Amino acid sequence: MDDFNKDLETFTLDFERAEKEQLEYLRLYRQMTQKQENCQIRKDFKSLQETNLNEENKKILTEKKANIDHFSSKLIEMQRNFQLERMGFICLQFLVILAFFVLAYILPPFRIVDALCNFLLVWYYCTLTIRESILRLNGSRIKGWWVLHHYISCVLCGITLTWRDGECYDQIRHVFIYFVCYIGSVQIIQYKYQTGCLRRLHALGQRHCMDVTLEGFSSWMFKGLTFLLPFLIIGYAFKAIIVLVNGKFLY
């Protein structure tokens, strides 16, 4: 019985070793097949390049190459112009929303005016998420966290839109309008900073023409960031004050 158990253990170890060797063999076989295919493709491409063409075919090939280069440059220019138009449209939308919120603060406190302002915020973020989804399907390199942020903003604006009128809303209304106007102004400043950095990186060839957000940091970005940082710090402090001082009215 002991001999049988020992033989069984030896057989199991040999089987596991053989199974690992089989997997390694299959991996090496796939690599060899892939390299053979690549070599065959390079060989066919080289033989195609060495094929003698008559003068007429050479002329046609030269014209086609020139047309491809021309349309490629046009496509790159259209992509850049489309990105600039998109950013300009977003900025214009936010300016309209800011104007409505300023009117809501100047005019007497009508719930209809406040609801219209909140509806504009919902409309802004809904159209923004739809446009960004279409752009991502068409090859734009918009980051997922950027789209997620806009989805969350859309939900929060919807909650604010359905906030019923009452003492709680009246207590937070003026502070909320102040906050929206300030954050909107800061976002416009951020838009100017972001587009300036992207244009410079596009011109240097360090970013893809379909990038709309920045990742990483360079020393030359401090020049614009030093102007933007105080506004961001004030915005974070404003948000903290709203949470600490006015948060009790939400419960």
C-alpha atoms as a PDB file:
ATOM      1  CA  MET A   1       0.000   0.000   0.000  1.00  0.00           C
ATOM      2  CA  ASP A   2       2.865   2.349   0.784  1.00  0.00           C
ATOM      3  CA  ASP A   3       4.442   1.558  -2.568  1.00  0.00           C
ATOM      4  CA  PHE A   4       1.142   2.294  -4.292  1.00  0.00           C
ATOM      5  CA  ASN A   5       0.802   5.678  -2.557  1.00  0.00           C
ATOM      6  CA  LYS A   6       4.377   6.524  -3.425  1.00  0.00           C
ATOM      7  CA  ASP A   7       3.823   5.591  -7.075  1.00  0.00           C
ATOM      8  CA  LEU A   8       0.608   7.617  -7.122  1.00  0.00           C
ATOM      9  CA  GLU A   9       2.373  10.675  -5.724  1.00  0.00           C
ATOM     10  CA  THR A  10       5.169  10.298  -8.265  1.00  0.00           C
ATOM     11  CA  PHE A  11       2.647   9.950 -11.080  1.00  0.00           C
ATOM     12  CA  THR A  12       0.776  13.066  -9.904  1.00  0.00           C
ATOM     13  CA  LEU A  13       3.963  15.132  -9.820  1.00  0.00           C
ATOM     14  CA  ASP A  14       4.987  13.890 -13.265  1.00  0.00           C
ATOM     15  CA  PHE A  15       1.535  14.683 -14.618  1.00  0.00           C
ATOM     16  CA  GLU A  16       1.618  18.237 -13.231  1.00  0.00           C
ATOM     17  CA  ARG A  17       5.094  18.752 -14.667  1.00  0.00           C
ATOM     18  CA  ALA A  18       3.962  17.440 -18.044  1.00  0.00           C
ATOM     19  CA  GLU A  19       0.932  19.738 -17.957  1.00  0.00           C
ATOM     20  CA  LYS A  20       3.130  22.783 -17.275  1.00  0.00           C
ATOM     21  CA  GLU A  21       5.491  21.764 -20.075  1.00  0.00           C
ATOM     22  CA  GLN A  22       2.518  21.393 -22.413  1.00  0.00           C
ATOM     23  CA  LEU A  23       1.301  24.908 -21.584  1.00  0.00           C
ATOM     24  CA  GLU A  24       4.802  26.298 -22.113  1.00  0.00           C
ATOM     25  CA  TYR A  25       5.014  24.457 -25.427  1.00  0.00           C
ATOM     26  CA  LEU A  26       1.698  25.934 -26.573  1.00  0.00           C
ATOM     27  CA  ARG A  27       2.853  29.429 -25.597  1.00  0.00           C
ATOM     28  CA  LEU A  28       6.099  29.065 -27.522  1.00  0.00           C
ATOM     29  CA  TYR A  29       4.215  27.612 -30.479  1.00  0.00           C
ATOM     30  CA  ARG A  30       1.883  30.641 -30.589  1.00  0.00           C
ATOM     31  CA  GLN A  31       4.868  32.982 -30.442  1.00  0.00           C
ATOM     32  CA  MET A  32       6.582  31.108 -33.256  1.00  0.00           C
ATOM     33  CA  THR A  33       3.417  31.188 -35.388  1.00  0.00           C
ATOM     34  CA  GLN A  34       3.011  34.921 -34.802  1.00  0.00           C
ATOM     35  CA  LYS A  35       6.628  35.581 -35.762  1.00  0.00           C
ATOM     36  CA  GLN A  36       6.237  33.475 -38.898  1.00  0.00           C
ATOM     37  CA  GLU A  37       3.173  35.487 -39.906  1.00  0.00           C
ATOM     38  CA  ASN A  38       5.000  38.771 -39.281  1.00  0.00           C
ATOM     39  CA  CYS A  39       7.982  37.606 -41.315  1.00  0.00           C
ATOM     40  CA  GLN A  40       5.694  36.573 -44.168  1.00  0.00           C
ATOM     41  CA  ILE A  41       3.951  39.959 -44.096  1.00  0.00           C
ATOM     42  CA  ARG A  42       7.291  41.809 -44.174  1.00  0.00           C
ATOM     43  CA  LYS A  43       8.498  39.611 -47.017  1.00  0.00           C
ATOM     44  CA  ASP A  44       5.328  40.217 -49.060  1.00  0.00           C
ATOM     45  CA  PHE A  45       5.507  43.951 -48.389  1.00  0.00           C
ATOM     46  CA  LYS A  46       9.158  44.065 -49.440  1.00  0.00           C
ATOM     47  CA  SER A  47       8.446  42.151 -52.634  1.00  0.00           C
ATOM     48  CA  LEU A  48       5.554  44.496 -53.349  1.00  0.00           C
ATOM     49  CA  GLN A  49       7.823  47.508 -52.959  1.00  0.00           C
ATOM     50  CA  GLU A  50      10.412  45.986 -55.260  1.00  0.00           C
ATOM     51  CA  THR A  51       7.849  45.340 -57.991  1.00  0.00           C
ATOM     52  CA  ASN A  52       8.628  47.369 -61.099  1.00  0.00           C
ATOM     53  CA  LEU A  53       5.949  49.922 -61.889  1.00  0.00           C
ATOM     54  CA  ASN A  54       5.533  51.698 -65.166  1.00  0.00           C
ATOM     55  CA  GLU A  55       5.539  55.493 -65.365  1.00  0.00           C
ATOM     56  CA  GLU A  56       1.751  55.789 -65.431  1.00  0.00           C
ATOM     57  CA  ASN A  57       1.294  53.708 -62.286  1.00  0.00           C
ATOM     58  CA  LYS A  58       4.053  55.638 -60.527  1.00  0.00           C
ATOM     59  CA  LYS A  59       2.309  58.899 -61.358  1.00  0.00           C
ATOM     60  CA  ILE A  60      -1.038  57.605 -60.057  1.00  0.00           C
ATOM     61  CA  LEU A  61       0.616  56.355 -56.867  1.00  0.00           C
ATOM     62  CA  THR A  62       2.299  59.733 -56.306  1.00  0.00           C
ATOM     63  CA  GLU A  63      -1.004  61.569 -56.778  1.00  0.00           C
ATOM     64  CA  LYS A  64      -2.770  59.255 -54.330  1.00  0.00           C
ATOM     65  CA  LYS A  65      -0.061  59.771 -51.717  1.00  0.00           C
ATOM     66  CA  ALA A  66      -0.349  63.542 -52.134  1.00  0.00           C
ATOM     67  CA  ASN A  67      -4.142  63.351 -51.746  1.00  0.00           C
ATOM     68  CA  ILE A  68      -3.804  61.211 -48.605  1.00  0.00           C
ATOM     69  CA  ASP A  69      -1.384  63.719 -47.041  1.00  0.00           C
ATOM     70  CA  HIS A  70      -3.675  66.617 -47.971  1.00  0.00           C
ATOM     71  CA  PHE A  71      -6.789  65.026 -46.497  1.00  0.00           C
ATOM     72  CA  SER A  72      -4.878  63.906 -43.382  1.00  0.00           C
ATOM     73  CA  SER A  73      -3.784  67.485 -42.670  1.00  0.00           C
ATOM     74  CA  LYS A  74      -7.349  68.683 -43.263  1.00  0.00           C
ATOM     75  CA  LEU A  75      -8.706  66.044 -40.881  1.00  0.00           C
ATOM     76  CA  ILE A  76      -6.268  67.069 -38.129  1.00  0.00           C
ATOM     77  CA  GLU A  77      -7.243  70.720 -38.589  1.00  0.00           C
ATOM     78  CA  MET A  78     -10.960  69.835 -38.440  1.00  0.00           C
ATOM     79  CA  GLN A  79     -10.421  67.840 -35.234  1.00  0.00           C
ATOM     80  CA  ARG A  80      -8.680  70.785 -33.569  1.00  0.00           C
ATOM     81  CA  ASN A  81     -11.341  73.256 -34.703  1.00  0.00           C
ATOM     82  CA  PHE A  82     -14.067  70.922 -33.460  1.00  0.00           C
ATOM     83  CA  GLN A  83     -12.454  70.736 -30.018  1.00  0.00           C
ATOM     84  CA  LEU A  84     -12.206  74.533 -29.851  1.00  0.00           C
ATOM     85  CA  GLU A  85     -15.857  74.893 -30.911  1.00  0.00           C
ATOM     86  CA  ARG A  86     -16.872  72.395 -28.219  1.00  0.00           C
ATOM     87  CA  MET A  87     -15.009  74.267 -25.486  1.00  0.00           C
ATOM     88  CA  GLY A  88     -16.431  77.589 -26.701  1.00  0.00           C
ATOM     89  CA  PHE A  89     -19.955  76.158 -26.639  1.00  0.00           C
ATOM     90  CA  ILE A  90     -19.474  74.959 -23.047  1.00  0.00           C
ATOM     91  CA  CYS A  91     -18.170  78.377 -21.999  1.00  0.00           C
ATOM     92  CA  LEU A  92     -21.122  80.133 -23.665  1.00  0.00           C
ATOM     93  CA  GLN A  93     -23.596  77.822 -21.922  1.00  0.00           C
ATOM     94  CA  PHE A  94     -22.067  78.555 -18.550  1.00  0.00           C
ATOM     95  CA  LEU A  95     -22.133  82.301 -19.180  1.00  0.00           C
ATOM     96  CA  VAL A  96     -25.865  82.067 -19.878  1.00  0.00           C
ATOM     97  CA  ILE A  97     -26.413  80.093 -16.668  1.00  0.00           C
ATOM     98  CA  LEU A  98     -24.406  82.627 -14.665  1.00  0.00           C
ATOM     99  CA  ALA A  99     -26.481  85.457 -16.108  1.00  0.00           C
ATOM    100  CA  PHE A 100     -29.702  83.713 -15.021  1.00  0.00           C
ATOM    101  CA  PHE A 101     -28.379  83.152 -11.504  1.00  0.00           C
ATOM    102  CA  VAL A 102     -27.400  86.817 -11.218  1.00  0.00           C
ATOM    103  CA  LEU A 103     -30.920  87.761 -12.291  1.00  0.00           C
ATOM    104  CA  ALA A 104     -32.334  85.321  -9.743  1.00  0.00           C
ATOM    105  CA  TYR A 105     -30.370  87.085  -7.022  1.00  0.00           C
ATOM    106  CA  ILE A 106     -31.300  90.596  -8.150  1.00  0.00           C
ATOM    107  CA  LEU A 107     -34.998  89.872  -8.664  1.00  0.00           C
ATOM    108  CA  PRO A 108     -37.354  89.153  -5.743  1.00  0.00           C
ATOM    109  CA  PRO A 109     -37.201  85.523  -4.518  1.00  0.00           C
ATOM    110  CA  PHE A 110     -39.582  83.769  -6.921  1.00  0.00           C
ATOM    111  CA  ARG A 111     -39.443  79.969  -6.826  1.00  0.00           C
ATOM    112  CA  ILE A 112     -40.141  79.816 -10.574  1.00  0.00           C
ATOM    113  CA  VAL A 113     -36.994  81.810 -11.357  1.00  0.00           C
ATOM    114  CA  ASP A 114     -34.910  79.590  -9.069  1.00  0.00           C
ATOM    115  CA  ALA A 115     -36.392  76.468 -10.657  1.00  0.00           C
ATOM    116  CA  LEU A 116     -35.537  77.836 -14.104  1.00  0.00           C
ATOM    117  CA  CYS A 117     -31.916  78.401 -13.034  1.00  0.00           C
ATOM    118  CA  ASN A 118     -31.651  74.883 -11.620  1.00  0.00           C
ATOM    119  CA  PHE A 119     -33.264  73.494 -14.765  1.00  0.00           C
ATOM    120  CA  LEU A 120     -30.590  75.261 -16.820  1.00  0.00           C
ATOM    121  CA  LEU A 121     -27.932  73.531 -14.739  1.00  0.00           C
ATOM    122  CA  VAL A 122     -29.580  70.146 -15.365  1.00  0.00           C
ATOM    123  CA  TRP A 123     -29.868  70.930 -19.077  1.00  0.00           C
ATOM    124  CA  TYR A 124     -26.230  72.026 -19.211  1.00  0.00           C
ATOM    125  CA  TYR A 125     -24.840  68.853 -17.635  1.00  0.00           C
ATOM    126  CA  CYS A 126     -27.216  66.580 -19.593  1.00  0.00           C
ATOM    127  CA  THR A 127     -26.199  68.073 -22.943  1.00  0.00           C
ATOM    128  CA  LEU A 128     -22.570  68.000 -21.830  1.00  0.00           C
ATOM    129  CA  THR A 129     -22.642  64.285 -20.975  1.00  0.00           C
ATOM    130  CA  ILE A 130     -24.452  63.459 -24.237  1.00  0.00           C
ATOM    131  CA  ARG A 131     -21.944  65.419 -26.334  1.00  0.00           C
ATOM    132  CA  GLU A 132     -19.019  63.842 -24.488  1.00  0.00           C
ATOM    133  CA  SER A 133     -20.420  60.344 -25.008  1.00  0.00           C
ATOM    134  CA  ILE A 134     -20.736  61.021 -28.746  1.00  0.00           C
ATOM    135  CA  LEU A 135     -17.222  62.442 -28.857  1.00  0.00           C
ATOM    136  CA  ARG A 136     -15.802  59.385 -27.072  1.00  0.00           C
ATOM    137  CA  LEU A 137     -17.489  57.091 -29.608  1.00  0.00           C
ATOM    138  CA  ASN A 138     -15.945  59.159 -32.411  1.00  0.00           C
ATOM    139  CA  GLY A 139     -12.425  58.843 -31.008  1.00  0.00           C
ATOM    140  CA  SER A 140     -12.102  61.774 -28.632  1.00  0.00           C
ATOM    141  CA  ARG A 141      -9.813  60.952 -25.718  1.00  0.00           C
ATOM    142  CA  ILE A 142     -12.025  62.200 -22.872  1.00  0.00           C
ATOM    143  CA  LYS A 143     -11.139  60.558 -19.575  1.00  0.00           C
ATOM    144  CA  GLY A 144     -13.688  58.407 -17.768  1.00  0.00           C
ATOM    145  CA  TRP A 145     -13.364  60.305 -14.475  1.00  0.00           C
ATOM    146  CA  TRP A 146     -14.255  63.525 -16.312  1.00  0.00           C
ATOM    147  CA  VAL A 147     -17.479  62.024 -17.678  1.00  0.00           C
ATOM    148  CA  LEU A 148     -18.309  60.472 -14.278  1.00  0.00           C
ATOM    149  CA  HIS A 149     -17.949  63.882 -12.636  1.00  0.00           C
ATOM    150  CA  HIS A 150     -20.491  65.341 -15.048  1.00  0.00           C
ATOM    151  CA  TYR A 151     -22.942  62.477 -14.444  1.00  0.00           C
ATOM    152  CA  ILE A 152     -22.742  63.088 -10.682  1.00  0.00           C
ATOM    153  CA  SER A 153     -23.192  66.839 -11.222  1.00  0.00           C
ATOM    154  CA  CYS A 154     -26.274  66.150 -13.339  1.00  0.00           C
ATOM    155  CA  VAL A 155     -27.829  64.048 -10.554  1.00  0.00           C
ATOM    156  CA  LEU A 156     -27.061  66.662  -7.889  1.00  0.00           C
ATOM    157  CA  CYS A 157     -28.548  69.446 -10.020  1.00  0.00           C
ATOM    158  CA  GLY A 158     -31.680  67.323 -10.437  1.00  0.00           C
ATOM    159  CA  ILE A 159     -31.935  66.991  -6.652  1.00  0.00           C
ATOM    160  CA  THR A 160     -31.619  70.772  -6.291  1.00  0.00           C
ATOM    161  CA  LEU A 161     -34.286  71.274  -8.956  1.00  0.00           C
ATOM    162  CA  THR A 162     -36.788  69.113  -7.048  1.00  0.00           C
ATOM    163  CA  TRP A 163     -35.992  70.749  -3.695  1.00  0.00           C
ATOM    164  CA  ARG A 164     -39.345  71.871  -2.321  1.00  0.00           C
ATOM    165  CA  ASP A 165     -39.855  75.460  -1.238  1.00  0.00           C
ATOM    166  CA  GLY A 166     -39.732  76.066   2.506  1.00  0.00           C
ATOM    167  CA  GLU A 167     -37.713  77.397   5.417  1.00  0.00           C
ATOM    168  CA  CYS A 168     -34.776  75.099   4.666  1.00  0.00           C
ATOM    169  CA  TYR A 169     -34.573  76.288   1.057  1.00  0.00           C
ATOM    170  CA  ASP A 170     -34.926  79.956   2.045  1.00  0.00           C
ATOM    171  CA  GLN A 171     -32.068  79.639   4.527  1.00  0.00           C
ATOM    172  CA  ILE A 172     -29.663  78.217   1.955  1.00  0.00           C
ATOM    173  CA  ARG A 173     -30.872  80.069  -1.177  1.00  0.00           C
ATOM    174  CA  HIS A 174     -28.625  83.159  -1.078  1.00  0.00           C
ATOM    175  CA  VAL A 175     -25.527  81.188  -0.133  1.00  0.00           C
ATOM    176  CA  PHE A 176     -26.250  78.678  -2.899  1.00  0.00           C
ATOM    177  CA  ILE A 177     -26.597  81.427  -5.522  1.00  0.00           C
ATOM    178  CA  TYR A 178     -23.346  83.013  -4.339  1.00  0.00           C
ATOM    179  CA  PHE A 179     -21.623  79.646  -4.534  1.00  0.00           C
ATOM    180  CA  VAL A 180     -22.908  78.797  -8.037  1.00  0.00           C
ATOM    181  CA  CYS A 181     -21.903  82.211  -9.399  1.00  0.00           C
ATOM    182  CA  TYR A 182     -18.441  81.974  -7.878  1.00  0.00           C
ATOM    183  CA  ILE A 183     -17.834  78.387  -9.016  1.00  0.00           C
ATOM    184  CA  GLY A 184     -19.073  79.302 -12.495  1.00  0.00           C
ATOM    185  CA  SER A 185     -16.581  82.178 -12.675  1.00  0.00           C
ATOM    186  CA  VAL A 186     -13.764  79.902 -11.491  1.00  0.00           C
ATOM    187  CA  GLN A 187     -14.700  77.304 -14.118  1.00  0.00           C
ATOM    188  CA  ILE A 188     -14.440  79.940 -16.846  1.00  0.00           C
ATOM    189  CA  ILE A 189     -10.950  80.847 -15.586  1.00  0.00           C
ATOM    190  CA  GLN A 190     -10.069  77.139 -15.517  1.00  0.00           C
ATOM    191  CA  TYR A 191     -11.331  76.816 -19.085  1.00  0.00           C
ATOM    192  CA  LYS A 192      -8.977  79.579 -20.232  1.00  0.00           C
ATOM    193  CA  TYR A 193      -6.062  77.958 -18.401  1.00  0.00           C
ATOM    194  CA  GLN A 194      -6.884  74.485 -19.731  1.00  0.00           C
ATOM    195  CA  THR A 195      -7.222  75.560 -23.363  1.00  0.00           C
ATOM    196  CA  GLY A 196      -3.984  77.554 -23.159  1.00  0.00           C
ATOM    197  CA  CYS A 197      -2.051  74.530 -21.858  1.00  0.00           C
ATOM    198  CA  LEU A 198      -3.629  72.197 -24.420  1.00  0.00           C
ATOM    199  CA  ARG A 199      -2.854  74.506 -27.345  1.00  0.00           C
ATOM    200  CA  ARG A 200       0.760  74.738 -26.278  1.00  0.00           C
ATOM    201  CA  LEU A 201       1.066  70.959 -25.886  1.00  0.00           C
ATOM    202  CA  HIS A 202      -0.661  70.398 -29.247  1.00  0.00           C
ATOM    203  CA  ALA A 203       1.755  72.832 -30.899  1.00  0.00           C
ATOM    204  CA  LEU A 204       4.737  71.033 -29.338  1.00  0.00           C
ATOM    205  CA  GLY A 205       3.354  67.661 -30.445  1.00  0.00           C
ATOM    206  CA  GLN A 206       3.277  66.353 -26.864  1.00  0.00           C
ATOM    207  CA  ARG A 207      -0.462  65.629 -26.797  1.00  0.00           C
ATOM    208  CA  HIS A 208      -2.875  63.924 -29.145  1.00  0.00           C
ATOM    209  CA  CYS A 209      -5.067  66.327 -31.098  1.00  0.00           C
ATOM    210  CA  MET A 210      -8.208  64.734 -29.593  1.00  0.00           C
ATOM    211  CA  ASP A 211      -7.122  65.178 -25.953  1.00  0.00           C
ATOM    212  CA  VAL A 212      -9.373  67.531 -23.970  1.00  0.00           C
ATOM    213  CA  THR A 213      -7.920  67.098 -20.464  1.00  0.00           C
ATOM    214  CA  LEU A 214      -4.438  67.289 -19.017  1.00  0.00           C
ATOM    215  CA  GLU A 215      -2.589  64.694 -16.984  1.00  0.00           C
ATOM    216  CA  GLY A 216       0.753  65.381 -15.371  1.00  0.00           C
ATOM    217  CA  PHE A 217       2.439  68.699 -14.714  1.00  0.00           C
ATOM    218  CA  SER A 218       5.301  70.700 -16.218  1.00  0.00           C
ATOM    219  CA  SER A 219       7.272  73.605 -14.796  1.00  0.00           C
ATOM    220  CA  TRP A 220       5.964  76.103 -17.357  1.00  0.00           C
ATOM    221  CA  MET A 221       2.379  75.490 -16.145  1.00  0.00           C
ATOM    222  CA  PHE A 222       3.131  77.380 -12.901  1.00  0.00           C
ATOM    223  CA  LYS A 223       2.800  80.676 -14.746  1.00  0.00           C
ATOM    224  CA  GLY A 224      -0.954  80.328 -15.204  1.00  0.00           C
ATOM    225  CA  LEU A 225      -1.548  78.187 -12.135  1.00  0.00           C
ATOM    226  CA  THR A 226      -0.269  80.829  -9.697  1.00  0.00           C
ATOM    227  CA  PHE A 227      -3.089  83.091 -10.864  1.00  0.00           C
ATOM    228  CA  LEU A 228      -5.668  80.297 -10.623  1.00  0.00           C
ATOM    229  CA  LEU A 229      -4.674  78.825  -7.234  1.00  0.00           C
ATOM    230  CA  PRO A 230      -6.100  81.633  -5.014  1.00  0.00           C
ATOM    231  CA  PHE A 231      -9.512  81.290  -6.678  1.00  0.00           C
ATOM    232  CA  LEU A 232      -9.447  77.517  -6.155  1.00  0.00           C
ATOM    233  CA  ILE A 233      -8.472  77.881  -2.480  1.00  0.00           C
ATOM    234  CA  ILE A 234     -11.260  80.409  -1.911  1.00  0.00           C
ATOM    235  CA  GLY A 235     -13.703  78.034  -3.612  1.00  0.00           C
ATOM    236  CA  TYR A 236     -12.718  75.131  -1.343  1.00  0.00           C
ATOM    237  CA  ALA A 237     -12.971  77.386   1.718  1.00  0.00           C
ATOM    238  CA  PHE A 238     -16.392  78.598   0.545  1.00  0.00           C
ATOM    239  CA  LYS A 239     -17.546  74.997   0.186  1.00  0.00           C
ATOM    240  CA  ALA A 240     -16.270  74.133   3.680  1.00  0.00           C
ATOM    241  CA  ILE A 241     -18.112  77.116   5.177  1.00  0.00           C
ATOM    242  CA  ILE A 242     -21.351  76.027   3.498  1.00  0.00           C
ATOM    243  CA  VAL A 243     -20.999  72.520   4.906  1.00  0.00           C
ATOM    244  CA  LEU A 244     -20.020  73.580   8.436  1.00  0.00           C
ATOM    245  CA  VAL A 245     -22.229  76.634   8.937  1.00  0.00           C
ATOM    246  CA  ASN A 246     -25.283  75.970   6.764  1.00  0.00           C
ATOM    247  CA  GLY A 247     -25.288  72.167   6.816  1.00  0.00           C
ATOM    248  CA  LYS A 248     -27.612  72.085   9.822  1.00  0.00           C
ATOM    249  CA  PHE A 249     -30.437  73.544   7.703  1.00  0.00           C
ATOM    250  CA  LEU A 250     -30.343  70.484   5.443  1.00  0.00           C
ATOM    251  CA  TYR A 251     -31.473  68.143   8.252  1.00  0.00           C
END
